[in-house]
Amino acid sequence: MSNEQDPNDAIADDWAQALQEQSTKGATDDLAAGAPHFDASPSSAVSSPNDISMVLDIPVQLSVELGRTKVPIKYILQLAQGSIVELDALAGEPMDVLVNGYLIAQGEVVVVNEKFGIRLTDIVTPSERLRRLSRN
């Protein structure tokens, strides 16, 4: 029997540690700012009159968007390794977090053990989402 740890377990442990550090660091800030707290434990879902636990396992597409641009097809055909495509986002701007194509949050890039992640810095409220949809 070997004492070596599975590389996937090591990566998961590193992410868990990074998330724990973030949650302990930001917990008092979130409470002071009046940020909502969601309890996703099974016991809270069962006691809810609207049993949300039925939809918790439905997969959704989560994507992080760095920026966008529109280019003609002839430009796409000329792309090669090393080509640079200019985006509409400025360096240092928060990145958009989309679920099924709808903006739900913004955040900043973090790196843990050479893997990218995103730390959420702003959650879009449902009323803000509706306001953004009506502007488009």
N, C-alpha and C. Protein backbone atom coordinates (compact mmCIF):
# COMPACT_ATOMS: atom_id res chain seq x y z
N MET A 1 0.84 -1.17 0.00
CA MET A 1 0.00 0.00 0.00
C MET A 1 0.89 1.24 0.00
N SER A 2 0.57 2.24 -0.79
CA SER A 2 1.40 3.43 -0.95
C SER A 2 0.84 4.58 -0.12
N ASN A 3 1.72 5.44 0.36
CA ASN A 3 1.31 6.63 1.12
C ASN A 3 1.13 7.84 0.21
N GLU A 4 1.32 7.67 -1.11
CA GLU A 4 1.18 8.79 -2.04
C GLU A 4 -0.28 9.17 -2.17
N GLN A 5 -0.51 10.49 -2.27
CA GLN A 5 -1.87 10.99 -2.40
C GLN A 5 -2.21 11.13 -3.89
N ASP A 6 -3.43 10.77 -4.25
CA ASP A 6 -3.91 10.90 -5.62
C ASP A 6 -3.80 12.38 -6.03
N PRO A 7 -3.24 12.70 -7.22
CA PRO A 7 -3.09 14.09 -7.65
C PRO A 7 -4.42 14.85 -7.68
N ASN A 8 -5.51 14.18 -8.05
CA ASN A 8 -6.82 14.85 -8.07
C ASN A 8 -7.26 15.21 -6.66
N ASP A 9 -6.96 14.34 -5.69
CA ASP A 9 -7.29 14.65 -4.30
C ASP A 9 -6.48 15.84 -3.81
N ALA A 10 -5.20 15.90 -4.20
CA ALA A 10 -4.34 17.01 -3.79
C ALA A 10 -4.85 18.33 -4.35
N ILE A 11 -5.28 18.32 -5.61
CA ILE A 11 -5.82 19.53 -6.23
C ILE A 11 -7.11 19.94 -5.54
N ALA A 12 -7.98 18.97 -5.27
CA ALA A 12 -9.24 19.26 -4.59
C ALA A 12 -8.96 19.83 -3.19
N ASP A 13 -7.96 19.28 -2.51
CA ASP A 13 -7.60 19.80 -1.18
C ASP A 13 -7.11 21.23 -1.26
N ASP A 14 -6.31 21.55 -2.30
CA ASP A 14 -5.80 22.92 -2.46
C ASP A 14 -6.93 23.90 -2.72
N TRP A 15 -7.90 23.50 -3.57
CA TRP A 15 -9.05 24.37 -3.83
C TRP A 15 -9.89 24.54 -2.57
N ALA A 16 -10.08 23.45 -1.84
CA ALA A 16 -10.86 23.53 -0.60
C ALA A 16 -10.18 24.46 0.40
N GLN A 17 -8.86 24.38 0.48
CA GLN A 17 -8.13 25.26 1.40
C GLN A 17 -8.25 26.72 0.96
N ALA A 18 -8.13 26.98 -0.35
CA ALA A 18 -8.25 28.34 -0.86
C ALA A 18 -9.65 28.89 -0.61
N LEU A 19 -10.66 28.06 -0.82
CA LEU A 19 -12.04 28.49 -0.57
C LEU A 19 -12.29 28.73 0.91
N GLN A 20 -11.71 27.88 1.76
CA GLN A 20 -11.86 28.06 3.21
C GLN A 20 -11.22 29.36 3.66
N GLU A 21 -10.02 29.65 3.14
CA GLU A 21 -9.35 30.91 3.48
C GLU A 21 -10.20 32.09 3.04
N GLN A 22 -10.77 32.01 1.84
CA GLN A 22 -11.61 33.09 1.33
C GLN A 22 -12.86 33.27 2.17
N SER A 23 -13.49 32.15 2.56
CA SER A 23 -14.74 32.26 3.32
C SER A 23 -14.49 32.78 4.72
N THR A 24 -13.40 32.38 5.35
CA THR A 24 -13.12 32.90 6.70
C THR A 24 -12.70 34.35 6.64
N LYS A 25 -11.98 34.73 5.58
CA LYS A 25 -11.55 36.12 5.43
C LYS A 25 -12.75 37.03 5.14
N GLY A 26 -13.66 36.58 4.27
CA GLY A 26 -14.76 37.43 3.85
C GLY A 26 -16.03 37.26 4.64
N ALA A 27 -16.09 36.31 5.56
CA ALA A 27 -17.34 36.05 6.29
C ALA A 27 -17.77 37.26 7.10
N THR A 28 -16.85 37.87 7.82
CA THR A 28 -17.23 39.03 8.63
C THR A 28 -17.55 40.21 7.74
N ASP A 29 -16.83 40.36 6.61
CA ASP A 29 -17.12 41.45 5.68
C ASP A 29 -18.51 41.30 5.09
N ASP A 30 -18.87 40.05 4.70
CA ASP A 30 -20.18 39.80 4.10
C ASP A 30 -21.29 40.09 5.09
N LEU A 31 -21.12 39.66 6.34
CA LEU A 31 -22.16 39.89 7.33
C LEU A 31 -22.30 41.38 7.62
N ALA A 32 -21.18 42.08 7.69
CA ALA A 32 -21.23 43.51 7.97
C ALA A 32 -21.89 44.27 6.83
N ALA A 33 -21.69 43.80 5.60
CA ALA A 33 -22.27 44.47 4.44
C ALA A 33 -23.71 44.06 4.19
N GLY A 34 -24.22 43.15 4.99
CA GLY A 34 -25.61 42.72 4.81
C GLY A 34 -25.78 41.75 3.66
N ALA A 35 -24.71 41.05 3.26
CA ALA A 35 -24.79 40.10 2.16
C ALA A 35 -25.67 38.93 2.56
N PRO A 36 -26.49 38.45 1.64
CA PRO A 36 -27.37 37.33 1.99
C PRO A 36 -26.57 36.07 2.24
N HIS A 37 -27.07 35.23 3.12
CA HIS A 37 -26.44 33.95 3.43
C HIS A 37 -27.41 32.85 3.02
N PHE A 38 -26.92 31.91 2.22
CA PHE A 38 -27.76 30.82 1.74
C PHE A 38 -27.31 29.53 2.39
N ASP A 39 -28.25 28.82 2.98
CA ASP A 39 -27.95 27.53 3.60
C ASP A 39 -28.42 26.47 2.63
N ALA A 40 -27.47 25.78 2.00
CA ALA A 40 -27.81 24.76 1.00
C ALA A 40 -27.81 23.37 1.59
N SER A 41 -27.90 23.27 2.89
CA SER A 41 -27.90 21.95 3.52
C SER A 41 -29.22 21.24 3.23
N PRO A 42 -29.17 19.92 3.13
CA PRO A 42 -30.39 19.18 2.82
C PRO A 42 -31.50 19.43 3.84
N SER A 43 -31.16 19.63 5.10
CA SER A 43 -32.20 19.83 6.11
C SER A 43 -32.96 21.13 5.88
N SER A 44 -32.26 22.19 5.39
CA SER A 44 -32.96 23.45 5.14
C SER A 44 -33.86 23.32 3.92
N ALA A 45 -33.45 22.51 2.94
CA ALA A 45 -34.26 22.34 1.74
C ALA A 45 -35.52 21.55 2.03
N VAL A 46 -35.43 20.57 2.92
CA VAL A 46 -36.58 19.73 3.23
C VAL A 46 -37.62 20.53 4.00
N SER A 47 -37.18 21.42 4.88
CA SER A 47 -38.13 22.17 5.70
C SER A 47 -38.80 23.31 4.92
N SER A 48 -38.30 23.61 3.74
CA SER A 48 -38.85 24.69 2.93
C SER A 48 -40.19 24.28 2.33
N PRO A 49 -41.17 25.20 2.34
CA PRO A 49 -42.46 24.85 1.72
C PRO A 49 -42.32 24.66 0.21
N ASN A 50 -41.45 25.42 -0.43
CA ASN A 50 -41.18 25.24 -1.86
C ASN A 50 -39.93 24.38 -1.94
N ASP A 51 -40.08 23.09 -2.10
CA ASP A 51 -38.98 22.14 -2.01
C ASP A 51 -38.00 22.34 -3.16
N ILE A 52 -37.00 23.19 -2.93
CA ILE A 52 -35.99 23.51 -3.94
C ILE A 52 -35.04 22.36 -4.18
N SER A 53 -35.00 21.39 -3.28
CA SER A 53 -34.07 20.27 -3.44
C SER A 53 -34.33 19.49 -4.72
N MET A 54 -35.51 19.60 -5.28
CA MET A 54 -35.84 18.88 -6.51
C MET A 54 -35.05 19.40 -7.70
N VAL A 55 -34.60 20.64 -7.68
CA VAL A 55 -33.90 21.22 -8.82
C VAL A 55 -32.40 21.37 -8.58
N LEU A 56 -31.90 21.01 -7.41
CA LEU A 56 -30.49 21.25 -7.09
C LEU A 56 -29.53 20.44 -7.94
N ASP A 57 -29.94 19.32 -8.50
CA ASP A 57 -29.05 18.48 -9.30
C ASP A 57 -29.16 18.73 -10.80
N ILE A 58 -29.95 19.70 -11.21
CA ILE A 58 -30.09 20.00 -12.63
C ILE A 58 -28.82 20.72 -13.10
N PRO A 59 -28.13 20.17 -14.10
CA PRO A 59 -26.90 20.81 -14.57
C PRO A 59 -27.20 22.07 -15.38
N VAL A 60 -26.37 23.09 -15.19
CA VAL A 60 -26.45 24.32 -15.96
C VAL A 60 -25.06 24.63 -16.49
N GLN A 61 -24.99 25.41 -17.55
CA GLN A 61 -23.72 25.78 -18.16
C GLN A 61 -23.22 27.07 -17.52
N LEU A 62 -22.10 27.00 -16.78
CA LEU A 62 -21.50 28.18 -16.17
C LEU A 62 -20.28 28.54 -16.98
N SER A 63 -20.19 29.79 -17.41
CA SER A 63 -19.04 30.22 -18.19
C SER A 63 -18.56 31.57 -17.67
N VAL A 64 -17.29 31.83 -17.87
CA VAL A 64 -16.68 33.10 -17.48
C VAL A 64 -16.23 33.77 -18.76
N GLU A 65 -16.67 35.00 -18.95
CA GLU A 65 -16.40 35.71 -20.19
C GLU A 65 -15.37 36.80 -19.97
N LEU A 66 -14.29 36.74 -20.71
CA LEU A 66 -13.23 37.72 -20.63
C LEU A 66 -13.59 38.98 -21.41
N GLY A 67 -14.21 38.83 -22.55
CA GLY A 67 -14.60 39.96 -23.38
C GLY A 67 -15.20 39.45 -24.68
N ARG A 68 -15.62 40.40 -25.52
CA ARG A 68 -16.24 40.05 -26.80
C ARG A 68 -15.73 40.98 -27.90
N THR A 69 -15.92 40.55 -29.12
CA THR A 69 -15.64 41.41 -30.27
C THR A 69 -16.38 40.84 -31.48
N LYS A 70 -16.64 41.69 -32.45
CA LYS A 70 -17.24 41.25 -33.72
C LYS A 70 -16.19 41.44 -34.80
N VAL A 71 -16.00 40.40 -35.59
CA VAL A 71 -15.04 40.46 -36.69
C VAL A 71 -15.65 39.80 -37.91
N PRO A 72 -15.21 40.23 -39.10
CA PRO A 72 -15.72 39.58 -40.31
C PRO A 72 -15.12 38.18 -40.48
N ILE A 73 -15.82 37.34 -41.22
CA ILE A 73 -15.37 35.97 -41.45
C ILE A 73 -13.98 35.94 -42.07
N LYS A 74 -13.68 36.89 -42.98
CA LYS A 74 -12.37 36.88 -43.63
C LYS A 74 -11.25 37.06 -42.60
N TYR A 75 -11.52 37.78 -41.52
CA TYR A 75 -10.52 37.95 -40.45
C TYR A 75 -10.32 36.63 -39.69
N ILE A 76 -11.41 35.92 -39.43
CA ILE A 76 -11.34 34.63 -38.74
C ILE A 76 -10.50 33.65 -39.57
N LEU A 77 -10.68 33.66 -40.89
CA LEU A 77 -9.94 32.75 -41.76
C LEU A 77 -8.44 33.06 -41.79
N GLN A 78 -8.07 34.28 -41.44
CA GLN A 78 -6.66 34.67 -41.45
C GLN A 78 -5.96 34.42 -40.11
N LEU A 79 -6.71 34.00 -39.09
CA LEU A 79 -6.11 33.77 -37.78
C LEU A 79 -5.13 32.61 -37.83
N ALA A 80 -4.02 32.78 -37.14
CA ALA A 80 -3.01 31.73 -37.05
C ALA A 80 -2.47 31.74 -35.63
N GLN A 81 -1.65 30.75 -35.32
CA GLN A 81 -1.05 30.70 -33.99
C GLN A 81 -0.26 31.98 -33.75
N GLY A 82 -0.50 32.61 -32.63
CA GLY A 82 0.18 33.87 -32.30
C GLY A 82 -0.62 35.10 -32.66
N SER A 83 -1.74 34.94 -33.38
CA SER A 83 -2.58 36.09 -33.72
C SER A 83 -3.18 36.67 -32.45
N ILE A 84 -3.43 37.95 -32.46
CA ILE A 84 -4.04 38.63 -31.32
C ILE A 84 -5.40 39.16 -31.74
N VAL A 85 -6.40 38.87 -30.93
CA VAL A 85 -7.75 39.34 -31.18
C VAL A 85 -8.08 40.34 -30.08
N GLU A 86 -8.37 41.58 -30.46
CA GLU A 86 -8.69 42.62 -29.49
C GLU A 86 -10.13 42.45 -29.01
N LEU A 87 -10.30 42.51 -27.68
CA LEU A 87 -11.62 42.37 -27.08
C LEU A 87 -12.11 43.72 -26.59
N ASP A 88 -13.41 43.81 -26.31
CA ASP A 88 -13.98 45.07 -25.85
C ASP A 88 -13.73 45.34 -24.37
N ALA A 89 -13.25 44.37 -23.63
CA ALA A 89 -13.01 44.55 -22.19
C ALA A 89 -11.64 45.17 -21.96
N LEU A 90 -11.54 45.98 -20.92
CA LEU A 90 -10.27 46.59 -20.56
C LEU A 90 -9.53 45.70 -19.57
N ALA A 91 -8.21 45.75 -19.60
CA ALA A 91 -7.40 44.98 -18.65
C ALA A 91 -7.76 45.40 -17.23
N GLY A 92 -7.92 44.43 -16.35
CA GLY A 92 -8.25 44.72 -14.96
C GLY A 92 -9.74 44.81 -14.67
N GLU A 93 -10.58 44.84 -15.70
CA GLU A 93 -12.02 44.86 -15.48
C GLU A 93 -12.47 43.51 -14.93
N PRO A 94 -13.55 43.50 -14.13
CA PRO A 94 -14.06 42.22 -13.66
C PRO A 94 -14.62 41.41 -14.83
N MET A 95 -14.52 40.09 -14.69
CA MET A 95 -15.02 39.20 -15.72
C MET A 95 -16.46 38.83 -15.42
N ASP A 96 -17.23 38.64 -16.48
CA ASP A 96 -18.64 38.27 -16.33
C ASP A 96 -18.76 36.77 -16.10
N VAL A 97 -19.65 36.40 -15.16
CA VAL A 97 -19.96 35.00 -14.89
C VAL A 97 -21.39 34.79 -15.38
N LEU A 98 -21.54 33.87 -16.33
CA LEU A 98 -22.84 33.63 -16.94
C LEU A 98 -23.32 32.22 -16.64
N VAL A 99 -24.61 32.07 -16.38
CA VAL A 99 -25.24 30.77 -16.23
C VAL A 99 -26.28 30.67 -17.33
N ASN A 100 -26.09 29.68 -18.20
CA ASN A 100 -26.96 29.50 -19.37
C ASN A 100 -27.09 30.79 -20.16
N GLY A 101 -26.00 31.56 -20.24
CA GLY A 101 -25.98 32.78 -21.05
C GLY A 101 -26.46 34.02 -20.33
N TYR A 102 -26.91 33.92 -19.09
CA TYR A 102 -27.40 35.08 -18.35
C TYR A 102 -26.37 35.51 -17.31
N LEU A 103 -26.08 36.81 -17.28
CA LEU A 103 -25.12 37.34 -16.33
C LEU A 103 -25.66 37.20 -14.91
N ILE A 104 -24.89 36.54 -14.04
CA ILE A 104 -25.32 36.39 -12.65
C ILE A 104 -24.33 36.99 -11.66
N ALA A 105 -23.08 37.22 -12.12
CA ALA A 105 -22.07 37.75 -11.20
C ALA A 105 -20.88 38.27 -12.00
N GLN A 106 -19.99 38.95 -11.28
CA GLN A 106 -18.72 39.37 -11.83
C GLN A 106 -17.64 38.97 -10.84
N GLY A 107 -16.43 38.80 -11.34
CA GLY A 107 -15.37 38.37 -10.45
C GLY A 107 -14.00 38.60 -11.03
N GLU A 108 -13.00 38.16 -10.26
CA GLU A 108 -11.61 38.32 -10.66
C GLU A 108 -10.95 36.95 -10.73
N VAL A 109 -9.95 36.84 -11.60
CA VAL A 109 -9.26 35.58 -11.81
C VAL A 109 -8.37 35.28 -10.62
N VAL A 110 -8.36 34.01 -10.20
CA VAL A 110 -7.44 33.51 -9.19
C VAL A 110 -6.77 32.27 -9.76
N VAL A 111 -5.57 31.98 -9.26
CA VAL A 111 -4.83 30.80 -9.69
C VAL A 111 -4.46 30.01 -8.45
N VAL A 112 -4.82 28.74 -8.45
CA VAL A 112 -4.46 27.82 -7.37
C VAL A 112 -3.84 26.59 -8.02
N ASN A 113 -2.57 26.33 -7.69
CA ASN A 113 -1.85 25.19 -8.28
C ASN A 113 -1.95 25.16 -9.80
N GLU A 114 -1.68 26.27 -10.42
CA GLU A 114 -1.65 26.39 -11.88
C GLU A 114 -3.00 26.17 -12.55
N LYS A 115 -4.09 26.19 -11.80
CA LYS A 115 -5.44 26.09 -12.38
C LYS A 115 -6.15 27.42 -12.14
N PHE A 116 -6.90 27.86 -13.14
CA PHE A 116 -7.64 29.11 -13.03
C PHE A 116 -8.96 28.90 -12.32
N GLY A 117 -9.37 29.92 -11.61
CA GLY A 117 -10.68 29.96 -10.98
C GLY A 117 -11.14 31.40 -11.00
N ILE A 118 -12.30 31.65 -10.43
CA ILE A 118 -12.79 33.02 -10.36
C ILE A 118 -13.34 33.28 -8.97
N ARG A 119 -12.93 34.39 -8.38
CA ARG A 119 -13.45 34.81 -7.08
C ARG A 119 -14.55 35.83 -7.36
N LEU A 120 -15.75 35.51 -6.92
CA LEU A 120 -16.88 36.40 -7.18
C LEU A 120 -16.75 37.67 -6.36
N THR A 121 -16.90 38.80 -7.03
CA THR A 121 -16.80 40.08 -6.35
C THR A 121 -18.14 40.82 -6.31
N ASP A 122 -19.06 40.44 -7.20
CA ASP A 122 -20.36 41.11 -7.25
C ASP A 122 -21.39 40.14 -7.79
N ILE A 123 -22.49 39.97 -7.07
CA ILE A 123 -23.60 39.13 -7.51
C ILE A 123 -24.68 40.04 -8.07
N VAL A 124 -25.18 39.71 -9.25
CA VAL A 124 -26.23 40.51 -9.88
C VAL A 124 -27.57 40.12 -9.27
N THR A 125 -28.30 41.10 -8.76
CA THR A 125 -29.60 40.83 -8.16
C THR A 125 -30.63 40.54 -9.26
N PRO A 126 -31.69 39.82 -8.92
CA PRO A 126 -32.72 39.55 -9.93
C PRO A 126 -33.30 40.84 -10.54
N SER A 127 -33.49 41.88 -9.76
CA SER A 127 -34.03 43.13 -10.31
C SER A 127 -33.04 43.76 -11.28
N GLU A 128 -31.75 43.68 -10.98
CA GLU A 128 -30.73 44.20 -11.89
C GLU A 128 -30.70 43.40 -13.19
N ARG A 129 -30.86 42.08 -13.09
CA ARG A 129 -30.91 41.24 -14.30
C ARG A 129 -32.06 41.66 -15.20
N LEU A 130 -33.23 41.91 -14.62
CA LEU A 130 -34.38 42.35 -15.41
C LEU A 130 -34.11 43.70 -16.05
N ARG A 131 -33.49 44.61 -15.30
CA ARG A 131 -33.18 45.94 -15.84
C ARG A 131 -32.21 45.83 -17.02
N ARG A 132 -31.21 44.96 -16.91
CA ARG A 132 -30.25 44.77 -18.00
C ARG A 132 -30.93 44.17 -19.22
N LEU A 133 -31.86 43.23 -19.00
CA LEU A 133 -32.56 42.62 -20.13
C LEU A 133 -33.41 43.65 -20.85
N SER A 134 -34.04 44.55 -20.11
CA SER A 134 -34.92 45.53 -20.73
C SER A 134 -34.13 46.57 -21.52
N ARG A 135 -32.85 46.79 -21.18
CA ARG A 135 -32.03 47.74 -21.93
C ARG A 135 -31.57 47.16 -23.26
N ASN A 136 -31.51 45.84 -23.37
CA ASN A 136 -31.00 45.20 -24.60
C ASN A 136 -32.05 45.07 -25.61
